[in-house]
Amino acid sequence: MYAGKGDLENALCQFQKALEIQTRVFGSDHPDVADSKENIGLVFQKMTKKSEARQMFTEAAGIRRKVLGADHPLTKKSERLAAQ
């Protein structure tokens, strides 16, 4: 919601809170954790923080590769984002 309104700072804050909760509840290798990392990466990308975005996309890809497999479409999506 915040990102859609252009309020990237609040969007980032909310995604980071979600990541903290999901990591605590599900552990670090869960698809929801990967989703949050990718969302944080997308916000960083919009903020033109390329290295931070790439790091989040890389971490999301690593989780997805481990949990979903290398050929899963979400894994490939995170890898494409990380390669940008």
C-alpha atoms as a PDB file:
ATOM      1  CA  MET A   1       0.000   0.000   0.000  1.00  0.00           C
ATOM      2  CA  TYR A   2       2.743   2.467   0.960  1.00  0.00           C
ATOM      3  CA  ALA A   3       4.868   1.583  -2.065  1.00  0.00           C
ATOM      4  CA  GLY A   4       1.877   2.123  -4.352  1.00  0.00           C
ATOM      5  CA  LYS A   5       1.488   5.606  -2.907  1.00  0.00           C
ATOM      6  CA  GLY A   6       5.180   6.340  -3.359  1.00  0.00           C
ATOM      7  CA  ASP A   7       5.898   6.276   0.385  1.00  0.00           C
ATOM      8  CA  LEU A   8       8.957   4.066   0.042  1.00  0.00           C
ATOM      9  CA  GLU A   9      10.345   4.683   3.537  1.00  0.00           C
ATOM     10  CA  ASN A  10       7.161   3.404   5.198  1.00  0.00           C
ATOM     11  CA  ALA A  11       6.909   0.531   2.716  1.00  0.00           C
ATOM     12  CA  LEU A  12      10.461  -0.503   3.557  1.00  0.00           C
ATOM     13  CA  CYS A  13       9.751  -0.288   7.287  1.00  0.00           C
ATOM     14  CA  GLN A  14       6.643  -2.471   7.002  1.00  0.00           C
ATOM     15  CA  PHE A  15       8.369  -5.075   4.822  1.00  0.00           C
ATOM     16  CA  GLN A  16      11.276  -5.209   7.278  1.00  0.00           C
ATOM     17  CA  LYS A  17       8.881  -5.745  10.191  1.00  0.00           C
ATOM     18  CA  ALA A  18       7.164  -8.533   8.253  1.00  0.00           C
ATOM     19  CA  LEU A  19      10.542 -10.120   7.542  1.00  0.00           C
ATOM     20  CA  GLU A  20      11.477 -10.067  11.224  1.00  0.00           C
ATOM     21  CA  ILE A  21       8.207 -11.731  12.228  1.00  0.00           C
ATOM     22  CA  GLN A  22       8.310 -14.323   9.452  1.00  0.00           C
ATOM     23  CA  THR A  23      11.909 -15.243  10.223  1.00  0.00           C
ATOM     24  CA  ARG A  24      11.099 -15.639  13.910  1.00  0.00           C
ATOM     25  CA  VAL A  25       7.957 -17.718  13.241  1.00  0.00           C
ATOM     26  CA  PHE A  26       8.983 -19.796  10.212  1.00  0.00           C
ATOM     27  CA  GLY A  27      12.776 -19.790  10.291  1.00  0.00           C
ATOM     28  CA  SER A  28      15.135 -18.299   7.744  1.00  0.00           C
ATOM     29  CA  ASP A  29      14.522 -20.854   4.971  1.00  0.00           C
ATOM     30  CA  HIS A  30      10.819 -20.369   4.338  1.00  0.00           C
ATOM     31  CA  PRO A  31       9.130 -19.197   1.113  1.00  0.00           C
ATOM     32  CA  ASP A  32       7.401 -16.331   2.956  1.00  0.00           C
ATOM     33  CA  VAL A  33      10.809 -15.075   4.110  1.00  0.00           C
ATOM     34  CA  ALA A  34      11.963 -15.144   0.485  1.00  0.00           C
ATOM     35  CA  ASP A  35       8.853 -13.187  -0.534  1.00  0.00           C
ATOM     36  CA  SER A  36       9.599 -10.497   2.045  1.00  0.00           C
ATOM     37  CA  LYS A  37      13.240 -10.267   0.990  1.00  0.00           C
ATOM     38  CA  GLU A  38      12.171  -9.856  -2.619  1.00  0.00           C
ATOM     39  CA  ASN A  39       9.648  -7.172  -1.635  1.00  0.00           C
ATOM     40  CA  ILE A  40      12.358  -5.315   0.280  1.00  0.00           C
ATOM     41  CA  GLY A  41      14.582  -5.633  -2.782  1.00  0.00           C
ATOM     42  CA  LEU A  42      11.884  -4.122  -4.973  1.00  0.00           C
ATOM     43  CA  VAL A  43      11.573  -1.143  -2.633  1.00  0.00           C
ATOM     44  CA  PHE A  44      15.349  -0.698  -2.600  1.00  0.00           C
ATOM     45  CA  GLN A  45      15.270  -0.872  -6.396  1.00  0.00           C
ATOM     46  CA  LYS A  46      12.684   1.923  -6.517  1.00  0.00           C
ATOM     47  CA  MET A  47      14.899   3.914  -4.136  1.00  0.00           C
ATOM     48  CA  THR A  48      17.801   3.358  -6.589  1.00  0.00           C
ATOM     49  CA  LYS A  49      19.758   1.456  -3.931  1.00  0.00           C
ATOM     50  CA  LYS A  50      21.040  -1.139  -6.362  1.00  0.00           C
ATOM     51  CA  SER A  51      23.507  -2.996  -4.164  1.00  0.00           C
ATOM     52  CA  GLU A  52      20.964  -3.364  -1.342  1.00  0.00           C
ATOM     53  CA  ALA A  53      18.329  -4.533  -3.819  1.00  0.00           C
ATOM     54  CA  ARG A  54      20.708  -7.047  -5.386  1.00  0.00           C
ATOM     55  CA  GLN A  55      21.570  -8.442  -1.947  1.00  0.00           C
ATOM     56  CA  MET A  56      17.887  -8.992  -1.091  1.00  0.00           C
ATOM     57  CA  PHE A  57      17.177 -10.598  -4.463  1.00  0.00           C
ATOM     58  CA  THR A  58      20.201 -12.871  -4.076  1.00  0.00           C
ATOM     59  CA  GLU A  59      19.078 -13.951  -0.608  1.00  0.00           C
ATOM     60  CA  ALA A  60      15.525 -14.580  -1.850  1.00  0.00           C
ATOM     61  CA  ALA A  61      16.892 -16.642  -4.739  1.00  0.00           C
ATOM     62  CA  GLY A  62      19.019 -18.712  -2.357  1.00  0.00           C
ATOM     63  CA  ILE A  63      16.055 -19.548  -0.150  1.00  0.00           C
ATOM     64  CA  ARG A  64      13.865 -20.369  -3.124  1.00  0.00           C
ATOM     65  CA  ARG A  65      16.551 -22.513  -4.715  1.00  0.00           C
ATOM     66  CA  LYS A  66      16.890 -24.494  -1.483  1.00  0.00           C
ATOM     67  CA  VAL A  67      13.163 -24.847  -0.774  1.00  0.00           C
ATOM     68  CA  LEU A  68      11.521 -24.783  -4.204  1.00  0.00           C
ATOM     69  CA  GLY A  69      14.333 -25.952  -6.470  1.00  0.00           C
ATOM     70  CA  ALA A  70      16.457 -24.313  -9.113  1.00  0.00           C
ATOM     71  CA  ASP A  71      13.867 -24.670 -11.879  1.00  0.00           C
ATOM     72  CA  HIS A  72      10.936 -23.133 -10.001  1.00  0.00           C
ATOM     73  CA  PRO A  73       9.574 -19.954 -11.636  1.00  0.00           C
ATOM     74  CA  LEU A  74       9.924 -17.929  -8.411  1.00  0.00           C
ATOM     75  CA  THR A  75      13.556 -18.991  -8.067  1.00  0.00           C
ATOM     76  CA  LYS A  76      14.231 -17.924 -11.624  1.00  0.00           C
ATOM     77  CA  LYS A  77      12.428 -14.609 -11.029  1.00  0.00           C
ATOM     78  CA  SER A  78      14.615 -13.802  -8.014  1.00  0.00           C
ATOM     79  CA  GLU A  79      17.734 -14.780  -9.950  1.00  0.00           C
ATOM     80  CA  ARG A  80      16.743 -12.486 -12.843  1.00  0.00           C
ATOM     81  CA  LEU A  81      16.185  -9.613 -10.427  1.00  0.00           C
ATOM     82  CA  ALA A  82      19.544 -10.257  -8.754  1.00  0.00           C
ATOM     83  CA  ALA A  83      21.293 -10.209 -12.131  1.00  0.00           C
ATOM     84  CA  GLN A  84      20.003  -6.740 -13.030  1.00  0.00           C
END
